[in-house]
């Protein structure tokens, strides 16, 4: 696989993480500084880099099982996180167990956006692609896009307020629905 093909694959794999980080930026209490943006990018990047490695390691042995349920896992995680965001906006208060800046919520969101990358890893194994080259490219691309997404999300949130937070939550839920739709109806 050429370097250009790997970069395009990395961009495609990073789109969901970028959208989720824009949503996180929308709900951030303050303008994200470089550390918060980099923390978000790092979590998304590491998870997105790890998912194809896991898929690659599983290889063809479990490909059918993972591929059969990956969309359901992503659907449940993203609809759950997005639904929680919508619930917070409509209640007008923040819950104690999962605050907006929660590392746990960030990790769950990152996992939800990277489930498809695990199947990509299986494909990379079948194509005999060097995972030690592909995974860091995917992780670095996701890190950069997710870090930028935090800043973009905050600018959107400042301009549109709670409506943007509501849209971000609905966007995550719709992203989960879109993943489910593309895997069950295609």
Protein backbone atom coordinates (compact mmCIF):
# COMPACT_ATOMS: atom_id res chain seq x y z
CA UNK A 1 0.00 0.00 0.00
CA UNK A 2 1.46 3.38 -1.00
CA UNK A 3 2.09 6.22 1.44
CA UNK A 4 -0.63 8.28 -0.26
CA UNK A 5 -3.11 5.42 0.19
CA UNK A 6 -2.16 5.15 3.87
CA UNK A 7 -2.63 8.89 4.40
CA UNK A 8 -6.04 8.77 2.70
CA UNK A 9 -6.95 5.77 4.85
CA UNK A 10 -5.82 7.70 7.94
CA UNK A 11 -7.92 10.72 6.97
CA UNK A 12 -10.94 8.49 6.44
CA UNK A 13 -10.37 6.78 9.77
CA UNK A 14 -10.02 10.14 11.54
CA UNK A 15 -13.24 11.78 10.38
CA UNK A 16 -15.40 10.33 13.16
CA UNK A 17 -12.85 11.33 15.80
CA UNK A 18 -12.69 14.85 14.35
CA UNK A 19 -16.49 15.17 14.50
CA UNK A 20 -16.54 13.90 18.08
CA UNK A 21 -13.78 16.30 19.14
CA UNK A 22 -15.69 19.21 17.58
CA UNK A 23 -18.61 18.11 19.77
CA UNK A 24 -16.36 18.03 22.84
CA UNK A 25 -15.11 21.51 22.00
CA UNK A 26 -18.69 22.77 21.77
CA UNK A 27 -19.46 21.62 25.32
CA UNK A 28 -16.14 22.71 26.85
CA UNK A 29 -16.63 25.12 29.75
CA UNK A 30 -13.71 27.28 28.65
CA UNK A 31 -11.78 27.85 25.44
CA UNK A 32 -9.60 24.74 25.09
CA UNK A 33 -5.96 25.50 25.68
CA UNK A 34 -3.18 23.61 23.97
CA UNK A 35 -3.00 21.01 26.77
CA UNK A 36 -6.71 20.16 26.63
CA UNK A 37 -6.72 20.05 22.84
CA UNK A 38 -3.60 17.87 22.84
CA UNK A 39 -5.04 15.59 25.56
CA UNK A 40 -8.15 15.10 23.44
CA UNK A 41 -6.04 14.52 20.34
CA UNK A 42 -3.76 12.13 22.21
CA UNK A 43 -6.63 9.99 23.52
CA UNK A 44 -8.35 9.86 20.13
CA UNK A 45 -5.01 9.28 18.37
CA UNK A 46 -3.90 6.47 20.68
CA UNK A 47 -7.25 4.71 20.53
CA UNK A 48 -7.49 5.17 16.76
CA UNK A 49 -3.93 3.86 16.37
CA UNK A 50 -4.59 0.88 18.65
CA UNK A 51 -7.81 -0.25 16.97
CA UNK A 52 -6.27 -1.30 13.64
CA UNK A 53 -3.42 -2.98 15.51
CA UNK A 54 -5.95 -5.03 17.47
CA UNK A 55 -7.81 -5.83 14.25
CA UNK A 56 -4.56 -6.71 12.52
CA UNK A 57 -3.62 -9.06 15.37
CA UNK A 58 -7.00 -10.73 15.27
CA UNK A 59 -6.49 -11.14 11.55
CA UNK A 60 -8.76 -13.43 9.70
CA UNK A 61 -9.44 -15.73 12.66
CA UNK A 62 -12.12 -13.53 14.19
CA UNK A 63 -12.84 -11.19 11.27
CA UNK A 64 -16.35 -12.51 10.75
CA UNK A 65 -17.28 -12.12 14.40
CA UNK A 66 -15.91 -8.59 14.80
CA UNK A 67 -17.32 -7.43 11.48
CA UNK A 68 -20.71 -8.86 12.40
CA UNK A 69 -21.07 -6.71 15.54
CA UNK A 70 -18.72 -3.72 15.15
CA UNK A 71 -21.52 -1.44 13.99
CA UNK A 72 -23.68 -2.37 16.99
CA UNK A 73 -20.86 -1.59 19.43
CA UNK A 74 -20.22 1.79 17.77
CA UNK A 75 -23.96 2.51 17.66
CA UNK A 76 -24.49 1.83 21.38
CA UNK A 77 -21.43 3.83 22.47
CA UNK A 78 -22.05 6.87 20.26
CA UNK A 79 -25.81 7.02 20.82
CA UNK A 80 -25.17 6.63 24.55
CA UNK A 81 -22.63 9.47 24.69
CA UNK A 82 -24.65 11.69 22.33
CA UNK A 83 -27.86 10.95 24.20
CA UNK A 84 -26.15 11.84 27.46
CA UNK A 85 -25.08 15.19 26.01
CA UNK A 86 -28.64 15.93 24.82
CA UNK A 87 -29.98 14.92 28.22
CA UNK A 88 -27.58 17.31 29.97
CA UNK A 89 -28.66 20.21 27.73
CA UNK A 90 -32.36 19.55 28.20
CA UNK A 91 -31.99 19.17 31.98
CA UNK A 92 -29.90 22.31 32.15
CA UNK A 93 -27.43 20.79 34.60
CA UNK A 94 -24.36 18.65 34.59
CA UNK A 95 -24.35 15.19 36.13
CA UNK A 96 -21.76 14.32 38.75
CA UNK A 97 -20.82 10.92 37.36
CA UNK A 98 -19.70 12.05 33.89
CA UNK A 99 -18.76 15.73 33.70
CA UNK A 100 -18.13 17.31 30.30
CA UNK A 101 -14.35 17.09 30.69
CA UNK A 102 -14.35 13.52 32.01
CA UNK A 103 -11.45 11.37 30.82
CA UNK A 104 -13.73 8.31 30.99
CA UNK A 105 -16.27 9.97 28.69
CA UNK A 106 -13.45 10.96 26.33
CA UNK A 107 -12.14 7.38 26.21
CA UNK A 108 -15.62 5.91 25.65
CA UNK A 109 -16.21 8.37 22.82
CA UNK A 110 -12.82 7.55 21.30
CA UNK A 111 -13.57 3.82 21.44
CA UNK A 112 -16.96 4.39 19.84
CA UNK A 113 -15.43 6.28 16.93
CA UNK A 114 -12.65 3.72 16.37
CA UNK A 115 -14.54 0.43 16.22
CA UNK A 116 -14.53 0.49 12.40
CA UNK A 117 -10.75 0.92 12.48
CA UNK A 118 -10.47 -2.51 14.04
CA UNK A 119 -12.02 -4.00 10.93
CA UNK A 120 -9.67 -1.83 8.85
CA UNK A 121 -6.84 -3.55 10.74
CA UNK A 122 -8.16 -6.94 9.67
CA UNK A 123 -8.17 -5.69 6.06
CA UNK A 124 -4.61 -4.42 6.46
CA UNK A 125 -3.57 -7.87 7.64
CA UNK A 126 -5.20 -9.47 4.61
CA UNK A 127 -3.41 -6.99 2.33
CA UNK A 128 -0.11 -7.70 4.09
CA UNK A 129 0.36 -4.02 5.03
CA UNK A 130 3.07 -3.25 7.58
CA UNK A 131 1.02 -2.33 10.66
CA UNK A 132 4.08 -0.66 12.23
CA UNK A 133 3.90 1.93 9.44
CA UNK A 134 0.12 2.19 9.05
CA UNK A 135 -0.89 2.50 12.72
CA UNK A 136 1.33 5.50 13.57
CA UNK A 137 0.13 7.33 10.44
CA UNK A 138 -3.49 6.73 11.47
CA UNK A 139 -2.76 7.77 15.08
CA UNK A 140 -0.87 10.94 14.13
CA UNK A 141 -3.54 12.02 11.66
CA UNK A 142 -6.26 11.48 14.26
CA UNK A 143 -4.23 13.35 16.89
CA UNK A 144 -3.88 16.39 14.62
CA UNK A 145 -7.50 16.45 13.45
CA UNK A 146 -8.94 15.87 16.93
CA UNK A 147 -6.79 18.61 18.46
CA UNK A 148 -7.95 21.03 15.76
CA UNK A 149 -11.53 19.84 16.29
CA UNK A 150 -11.49 20.97 19.91
CA UNK A 151 -10.70 24.54 18.85
CA UNK A 152 -13.26 24.51 16.05
CA UNK A 153 -15.91 23.15 18.39
CA UNK A 154 -15.33 25.81 21.01
CA UNK A 155 -15.63 28.59 18.42
CA UNK A 156 -18.90 27.07 17.25
CA UNK A 157 -20.11 26.70 20.85
CA UNK A 158 -19.31 30.31 21.71
CA UNK A 159 -21.24 31.51 18.71
CA UNK A 160 -24.30 29.29 19.01
CA UNK A 161 -24.44 28.40 22.75
CA UNK A 162 -26.58 25.51 24.00
CA UNK A 163 -28.01 24.94 20.52
CA UNK A 164 -24.52 23.91 19.42
CA UNK A 165 -24.23 21.55 22.40
CA UNK A 166 -27.58 20.01 21.50
CA UNK A 167 -26.50 19.63 17.85
CA UNK A 168 -23.18 18.08 18.97
CA UNK A 169 -25.01 15.46 21.06
CA UNK A 170 -27.45 14.75 18.27
CA UNK A 171 -24.50 14.61 15.85
CA UNK A 172 -22.77 11.90 17.87
CA UNK A 173 -26.01 9.94 18.11
CA UNK A 174 -26.57 10.34 14.36
CA UNK A 175 -22.99 9.28 13.71
CA UNK A 176 -23.73 6.06 15.61
CA UNK A 177 -26.96 5.63 13.66
CA UNK A 178 -25.10 6.28 10.40
CA UNK A 179 -22.54 3.60 11.20
CA UNK A 180 -25.33 1.16 12.01
CA UNK A 181 -27.24 2.12 8.85
CA UNK A 182 -24.20 1.77 6.57
CA UNK A 183 -23.45 -1.70 7.91
CA UNK A 184 -26.97 -3.08 7.98
CA UNK A 185 -28.51 -1.48 4.89
CA UNK A 186 -25.57 -1.49 2.49
